[in-house]
Amino acid sequence: MMRPAIALVAAALFAAAAYADDAAHRTASPPLAVTQEQAIATAKAQGMVKVEDIELDDGKWEVEGRTESGREIEVDVSARTGEVLRIDYDD
C-alpha cells in the first residue's frame, strides 16, 4: 500500500517540475539582437570617441562616454533593433 502512494507523490513532483521548467522557458526574454560591441559602434557613430561605461538596462544598452571635445555623452541603443533611442549630453 505504501508503494502506490510513493509513486503518486513522485509523479506529482515530476509533473510540477516539468510545468515550472516549461513556464520559465515561455516567459524568458528572447535573445538580444544587438551585442555590446554593436551598441558601442552605434554610440561611436553618434560622436562618442571614448567609452567609459556600458550597461544593459530594460531592453536597451546605455553607453556612456565622451566626445572628441571631452563633453560627456550618453547614447541609449535598443538591444532588440539597434535603433538610437536617446542621446544625452551633460553640460
N, C-alpha and C. Protein backbone atom coordinates (compact mmCIF):
# COMPACT_ATOMS: atom_id res chain seq x y z
N MET A 1 0.82 -1.19 0.00
CA MET A 1 0.00 0.00 0.00
C MET A 1 0.86 1.26 0.00
N MET A 2 2.01 1.18 0.54
CA MET A 2 2.89 2.33 0.60
C MET A 2 3.48 2.66 -0.78
N ARG A 3 3.74 1.67 -1.61
CA ARG A 3 4.36 1.90 -2.91
C ARG A 3 3.49 2.73 -3.84
N PRO A 4 2.18 2.47 -3.96
CA PRO A 4 1.38 3.34 -4.83
C PRO A 4 1.39 4.80 -4.38
N ALA A 5 1.43 5.05 -3.08
CA ALA A 5 1.46 6.42 -2.57
C ALA A 5 2.77 7.09 -2.95
N ILE A 6 3.87 6.37 -2.83
CA ILE A 6 5.17 6.92 -3.19
C ILE A 6 5.20 7.22 -4.69
N ALA A 7 4.68 6.30 -5.50
CA ALA A 7 4.66 6.51 -6.94
C ALA A 7 3.81 7.72 -7.31
N LEU A 8 2.70 7.89 -6.61
CA LEU A 8 1.82 9.02 -6.87
C LEU A 8 2.50 10.34 -6.52
N VAL A 9 3.18 10.39 -5.38
CA VAL A 9 3.90 11.60 -4.97
C VAL A 9 5.03 11.90 -5.95
N ALA A 10 5.76 10.87 -6.36
CA ALA A 10 6.86 11.06 -7.31
C ALA A 10 6.33 11.59 -8.65
N ALA A 11 5.23 11.06 -9.11
CA ALA A 11 4.64 11.52 -10.36
C ALA A 11 4.19 12.97 -10.26
N ALA A 12 3.61 13.33 -9.14
CA ALA A 12 3.16 14.72 -8.94
C ALA A 12 4.35 15.68 -8.91
N LEU A 13 5.43 15.28 -8.23
CA LEU A 13 6.62 16.14 -8.18
C LEU A 13 7.24 16.29 -9.57
N PHE A 14 7.29 15.21 -10.32
CA PHE A 14 7.83 15.26 -11.67
C PHE A 14 7.00 16.19 -12.55
N ALA A 15 5.70 16.09 -12.47
CA ALA A 15 4.81 16.93 -13.27
C ALA A 15 4.97 18.41 -12.89
N ALA A 16 5.09 18.69 -11.60
CA ALA A 16 5.25 20.07 -11.15
C ALA A 16 6.57 20.65 -11.65
N ALA A 17 7.64 19.85 -11.60
CA ALA A 17 8.95 20.32 -12.06
C ALA A 17 8.92 20.57 -13.57
N ALA A 18 8.29 19.70 -14.31
CA ALA A 18 8.20 19.86 -15.76
C ALA A 18 7.40 21.12 -16.11
N TYR A 19 6.31 21.37 -15.40
CA TYR A 19 5.50 22.57 -15.65
C TYR A 19 6.30 23.83 -15.34
N ALA A 20 7.03 23.84 -14.22
CA ALA A 20 7.82 25.02 -13.84
C ALA A 20 8.89 25.29 -14.89
N ASP A 21 9.55 24.24 -15.38
CA ASP A 21 10.58 24.41 -16.40
C ASP A 21 9.98 24.97 -17.68
N ASP A 22 8.83 24.46 -18.09
CA ASP A 22 8.16 24.94 -19.29
C ASP A 22 7.73 26.39 -19.13
N ALA A 23 7.20 26.75 -17.97
CA ALA A 23 6.75 28.12 -17.72
C ALA A 23 7.94 29.08 -17.77
N ALA A 24 9.07 28.66 -17.25
CA ALA A 24 10.26 29.52 -17.27
C ALA A 24 10.70 29.79 -18.70
N HIS A 25 10.62 28.80 -19.56
CA HIS A 25 11.00 28.99 -20.96
C HIS A 25 10.02 29.90 -21.70
N ARG A 26 8.76 29.83 -21.36
CA ARG A 26 7.75 30.65 -22.04
C ARG A 26 7.86 32.11 -21.66
N THR A 27 8.33 32.42 -20.45
CA THR A 27 8.40 33.80 -20.01
C THR A 27 9.78 34.41 -20.20
N ALA A 28 10.76 33.63 -20.62
CA ALA A 28 12.10 34.16 -20.82
C ALA A 28 12.10 35.14 -21.99
N SER A 29 12.93 36.16 -21.87
CA SER A 29 13.05 37.15 -22.94
C SER A 29 13.76 36.53 -24.14
N PRO A 30 13.40 36.97 -25.32
CA PRO A 30 14.11 36.47 -26.49
C PRO A 30 15.56 36.95 -26.45
N PRO A 31 16.45 36.25 -27.13
CA PRO A 31 17.85 36.67 -27.10
C PRO A 31 18.02 38.06 -27.71
N LEU A 32 19.03 38.75 -27.26
CA LEU A 32 19.28 40.10 -27.75
C LEU A 32 19.80 40.05 -29.18
N ALA A 33 19.32 40.95 -29.99
CA ALA A 33 19.74 41.02 -31.38
C ALA A 33 20.98 41.90 -31.55
N VAL A 34 21.22 42.79 -30.58
CA VAL A 34 22.32 43.74 -30.67
C VAL A 34 23.32 43.44 -29.57
N THR A 35 24.57 43.19 -29.96
CA THR A 35 25.61 42.90 -28.99
C THR A 35 26.15 44.18 -28.36
N GLN A 36 26.90 44.01 -27.31
CA GLN A 36 27.54 45.14 -26.65
C GLN A 36 28.46 45.87 -27.63
N GLU A 37 29.21 45.12 -28.43
CA GLU A 37 30.12 45.73 -29.40
C GLU A 37 29.36 46.53 -30.45
N GLN A 38 28.21 46.02 -30.89
CA GLN A 38 27.41 46.76 -31.87
C GLN A 38 26.85 48.04 -31.27
N ALA A 39 26.45 47.99 -30.00
CA ALA A 39 25.94 49.19 -29.33
C ALA A 39 27.05 50.23 -29.21
N ILE A 40 28.26 49.79 -28.91
CA ILE A 40 29.39 50.73 -28.84
C ILE A 40 29.66 51.35 -30.20
N ALA A 41 29.61 50.55 -31.25
CA ALA A 41 29.82 51.08 -32.60
C ALA A 41 28.75 52.12 -32.95
N THR A 42 27.52 51.86 -32.54
CA THR A 42 26.43 52.81 -32.78
C THR A 42 26.68 54.11 -32.03
N ALA A 43 27.12 54.01 -30.77
CA ALA A 43 27.41 55.21 -29.98
C ALA A 43 28.56 56.00 -30.60
N LYS A 44 29.55 55.31 -31.09
CA LYS A 44 30.67 55.99 -31.73
C LYS A 44 30.23 56.69 -33.01
N ALA A 45 29.27 56.12 -33.71
CA ALA A 45 28.74 56.77 -34.91
C ALA A 45 27.99 58.05 -34.56
N GLN A 46 27.61 58.20 -33.29
CA GLN A 46 26.91 59.41 -32.83
C GLN A 46 27.88 60.43 -32.25
N GLY A 47 29.18 60.18 -32.33
CA GLY A 47 30.17 61.16 -31.87
C GLY A 47 30.94 60.78 -30.62
N MET A 48 30.68 59.63 -30.05
CA MET A 48 31.42 59.20 -28.88
C MET A 48 32.79 58.68 -29.32
N VAL A 49 33.86 59.17 -28.69
CA VAL A 49 35.20 58.69 -29.03
C VAL A 49 35.82 57.86 -27.92
N LYS A 50 35.34 58.06 -26.69
CA LYS A 50 35.86 57.31 -25.55
C LYS A 50 34.67 56.72 -24.79
N VAL A 51 34.62 55.39 -24.68
CA VAL A 51 33.56 54.72 -23.93
C VAL A 51 34.04 54.55 -22.49
N GLU A 52 33.23 55.02 -21.55
CA GLU A 52 33.57 54.93 -20.14
C GLU A 52 32.77 53.87 -19.41
N ASP A 53 31.55 53.58 -19.89
CA ASP A 53 30.70 52.59 -19.23
C ASP A 53 29.62 52.15 -20.21
N ILE A 54 29.23 50.89 -20.08
CA ILE A 54 28.10 50.38 -20.86
C ILE A 54 27.33 49.43 -19.97
N GLU A 55 26.00 49.54 -20.06
CA GLU A 55 25.12 48.73 -19.20
C GLU A 55 23.87 48.37 -19.99
N LEU A 56 23.42 47.13 -19.80
CA LEU A 56 22.16 46.69 -20.39
C LEU A 56 21.08 46.90 -19.35
N ASP A 57 20.09 47.73 -19.67
CA ASP A 57 19.05 48.04 -18.70
C ASP A 57 17.70 48.17 -19.42
N ASP A 58 16.76 47.35 -19.02
CA ASP A 58 15.38 47.45 -19.52
C ASP A 58 15.29 47.41 -21.05
N GLY A 59 16.05 46.48 -21.66
CA GLY A 59 15.95 46.30 -23.10
C GLY A 59 16.74 47.28 -23.93
N LYS A 60 17.62 48.05 -23.27
CA LYS A 60 18.44 48.99 -24.04
C LYS A 60 19.86 49.01 -23.49
N TRP A 61 20.80 49.26 -24.38
CA TRP A 61 22.18 49.48 -23.99
C TRP A 61 22.34 50.95 -23.66
N GLU A 62 22.89 51.25 -22.50
CA GLU A 62 23.19 52.63 -22.10
C GLU A 62 24.71 52.78 -22.17
N VAL A 63 25.16 53.50 -23.18
CA VAL A 63 26.59 53.67 -23.41
C VAL A 63 26.98 55.08 -22.98
N GLU A 64 27.90 55.17 -22.03
CA GLU A 64 28.35 56.47 -21.52
C GLU A 64 29.80 56.68 -21.92
N GLY A 65 30.11 57.92 -22.29
CA GLY A 65 31.48 58.23 -22.67
C GLY A 65 31.68 59.70 -22.91
N ARG A 66 32.63 59.99 -23.80
CA ARG A 66 32.99 61.38 -24.09
C ARG A 66 33.15 61.60 -25.58
N THR A 67 32.87 62.83 -25.98
CA THR A 67 33.05 63.23 -27.38
C THR A 67 34.51 63.66 -27.57
N GLU A 68 34.85 64.00 -28.81
CA GLU A 68 36.20 64.46 -29.15
C GLU A 68 36.61 65.67 -28.30
N SER A 69 35.65 66.55 -28.00
CA SER A 69 35.95 67.75 -27.22
C SER A 69 35.95 67.49 -25.71
N GLY A 70 35.66 66.26 -25.30
CA GLY A 70 35.67 65.92 -23.87
C GLY A 70 34.30 66.03 -23.21
N ARG A 71 33.31 66.40 -23.97
CA ARG A 71 31.94 66.53 -23.43
C ARG A 71 31.37 65.15 -23.10
N GLU A 72 30.68 65.03 -21.96
CA GLU A 72 30.04 63.78 -21.59
C GLU A 72 28.84 63.52 -22.49
N ILE A 73 28.69 62.25 -22.90
CA ILE A 73 27.58 61.86 -23.76
C ILE A 73 27.08 60.48 -23.32
N GLU A 74 25.76 60.31 -23.37
CA GLU A 74 25.16 59.00 -23.15
C GLU A 74 24.27 58.69 -24.34
N VAL A 75 24.46 57.52 -24.91
CA VAL A 75 23.67 57.08 -26.05
C VAL A 75 22.94 55.80 -25.64
N ASP A 76 21.61 55.82 -25.74
CA ASP A 76 20.80 54.64 -25.46
C ASP A 76 20.46 53.97 -26.79
N VAL A 77 20.77 52.66 -26.86
CA VAL A 77 20.57 51.90 -28.09
C VAL A 77 19.65 50.72 -27.78
N SER A 78 18.62 50.54 -28.58
CA SER A 78 17.72 49.41 -28.39
C SER A 78 18.49 48.10 -28.55
N ALA A 79 18.35 47.22 -27.57
CA ALA A 79 19.03 45.92 -27.63
C ALA A 79 18.33 44.97 -28.59
N ARG A 80 17.14 45.31 -29.03
CA ARG A 80 16.38 44.47 -29.96
C ARG A 80 16.58 44.89 -31.42
N THR A 81 16.64 46.21 -31.66
CA THR A 81 16.66 46.71 -33.04
C THR A 81 17.94 47.44 -33.42
N GLY A 82 18.69 47.93 -32.45
CA GLY A 82 19.88 48.73 -32.73
C GLY A 82 19.58 50.20 -32.95
N GLU A 83 18.32 50.56 -32.84
CA GLU A 83 17.89 51.96 -33.03
C GLU A 83 18.42 52.83 -31.89
N VAL A 84 18.86 54.04 -32.24
CA VAL A 84 19.27 55.01 -31.22
C VAL A 84 17.99 55.56 -30.59
N LEU A 85 17.84 55.34 -29.29
CA LEU A 85 16.65 55.77 -28.59
C LEU A 85 16.78 57.16 -28.00
N ARG A 86 18.02 57.50 -27.60
CA ARG A 86 18.22 58.80 -26.93
C ARG A 86 19.70 59.13 -26.96
N ILE A 87 19.98 60.40 -27.12
CA ILE A 87 21.35 60.93 -26.99
C ILE A 87 21.26 62.05 -25.98
N ASP A 88 22.08 61.96 -24.94
CA ASP A 88 22.05 62.97 -23.88
C ASP A 88 23.46 63.49 -23.65
N TYR A 89 23.60 64.81 -23.70
CA TYR A 89 24.88 65.47 -23.44
C TYR A 89 24.80 66.13 -22.07
N ASP A 90 25.83 65.93 -21.25
CA ASP A 90 25.91 66.65 -19.98
C ASP A 90 26.73 67.90 -20.21
N ASP A 91 26.14 69.02 -19.77
CA ASP A 91 26.83 70.31 -19.96
C ASP A 91 27.64 70.68 -18.77
